[in-house]
Protein backbone atom coordinates (compact mmCIF):
# COMPACT_ATOMS: atom_id res chain seq x y z
CA MET A 1 51.48 111.74 211.33
CA PHE A 2 48.69 113.59 209.52
CA LEU A 3 47.05 115.98 211.94
CA PHE A 4 50.10 117.98 213.02
CA PRO A 5 51.54 118.58 209.52
CA PHE A 6 48.03 119.39 208.24
CA SER A 7 47.47 121.89 211.04
CA MET A 8 50.90 123.43 210.29
CA ILE A 9 49.86 123.86 206.63
CA MET A 10 46.56 125.36 207.68
CA GLY A 11 48.27 127.93 209.91
CA GLY A 12 48.67 126.21 213.27
CA GLY A 13 50.53 128.18 215.89
CA PHE A 14 53.64 125.99 216.20
CA THR A 15 56.88 125.35 214.32
CA PHE A 16 58.36 122.23 212.83
CA MET A 17 60.87 121.92 215.70
CA GLU A 18 58.08 122.16 218.27
CA TYR A 19 56.28 119.41 216.38
CA ILE A 20 59.38 117.19 216.45
CA ILE A 21 60.32 117.93 220.08
CA TRP A 22 56.84 117.80 221.63
CA ASN A 23 55.16 115.16 219.47
CA GLU A 24 57.42 112.87 217.45
CA LEU A 25 60.26 112.45 219.95
CA PRO A 26 58.07 111.55 222.97
CA THR A 27 55.95 109.26 220.80
CA ALA A 28 58.97 107.37 219.43
CA LEU A 29 60.60 107.04 222.85
CA GLY A 30 57.32 105.93 224.44
CA ASN A 31 56.81 103.29 221.76
CA LEU A 32 60.35 101.98 222.22
CA VAL A 33 60.09 101.78 226.01
CA GLY A 34 56.53 100.43 225.95
CA GLY A 35 57.38 97.81 223.35
CA PHE A 36 60.38 96.66 225.35
CA VAL A 37 58.59 96.60 228.70
CA PHE A 38 55.19 95.27 227.63
CA VAL A 39 56.27 92.94 224.79
CA GLY A 40 59.96 92.10 225.08
CA LEU A 41 60.25 91.38 228.79
CA PRO A 42 57.09 89.24 229.08
CA LEU A 43 58.18 87.17 226.07
CA TYR A 44 61.63 86.74 227.55
CA TYR A 45 60.36 85.70 230.97
CA THR A 46 57.68 83.34 229.63
CA HIS A 47 59.57 81.66 226.78
CA VAL A 48 63.34 82.00 226.97
CA ARG A 49 63.84 81.35 230.65
CA THR A 50 61.36 78.45 230.76
CA SER A 51 62.20 76.77 227.46
CA PRO A 52 63.40 73.18 227.82
CA GLU A 53 67.01 72.29 227.15
CA ARG A 54 67.47 71.24 223.54
CA ILE A 55 69.58 68.23 222.67
CA LEU A 56 71.18 67.91 219.25
CA LYS A 57 73.19 64.98 218.05
CA ASP A 58 76.73 65.72 216.97
CA HIS A 59 76.23 64.63 213.35
CA GLN A 60 73.29 67.04 212.92
CA ARG A 61 75.46 70.03 213.82
CA ASN A 62 78.53 68.83 211.91
CA PRO A 63 77.55 66.62 208.92
CA ALA A 64 81.19 65.84 208.00
CA PRO A 65 82.46 62.56 209.52
CA MET A 66 84.85 62.95 212.41
CA ALA A 67 88.44 61.72 212.12
CA THR A 68 88.13 59.44 215.18
CA GLY A 69 84.93 57.71 214.13
CA SER A 70 81.56 58.07 212.50
CA GLY A 71 80.25 60.39 215.21
CA ASP A 72 77.44 58.04 216.31
CA ASP A 73 79.27 56.96 219.46
CA ALA A 74 79.82 60.55 220.68
CA PRO A 75 77.51 61.90 223.39
CA PRO A 76 74.91 64.37 222.17
CA ALA A 77 75.79 68.02 222.43
CA THR A 78 73.49 70.15 224.54
CA LEU A 79 72.51 73.72 223.86
CA LYS A 80 71.24 75.91 226.65
CA ALA A 81 69.74 79.35 226.30
CA SER A 82 71.92 81.95 227.94
CA VAL A 83 70.18 83.71 230.78
């Protein structure tokens, strides 16, 4: 972010569009793809797919009492991560 604009100010032999096309655009795309492949996918495969099933009681999700009862006799609701 410093060297290319500085060299343009000092008389480098390239234009602003060449700087954007040949430096900034490939760098941004490479960071996006690399971040997704080397950070996002490993985190997904090691944490989301292998996380245990979470069980929440009904009254924790809906604190208002149910019309048919107090909610304590209802089976717990399960939440699963979508894969």
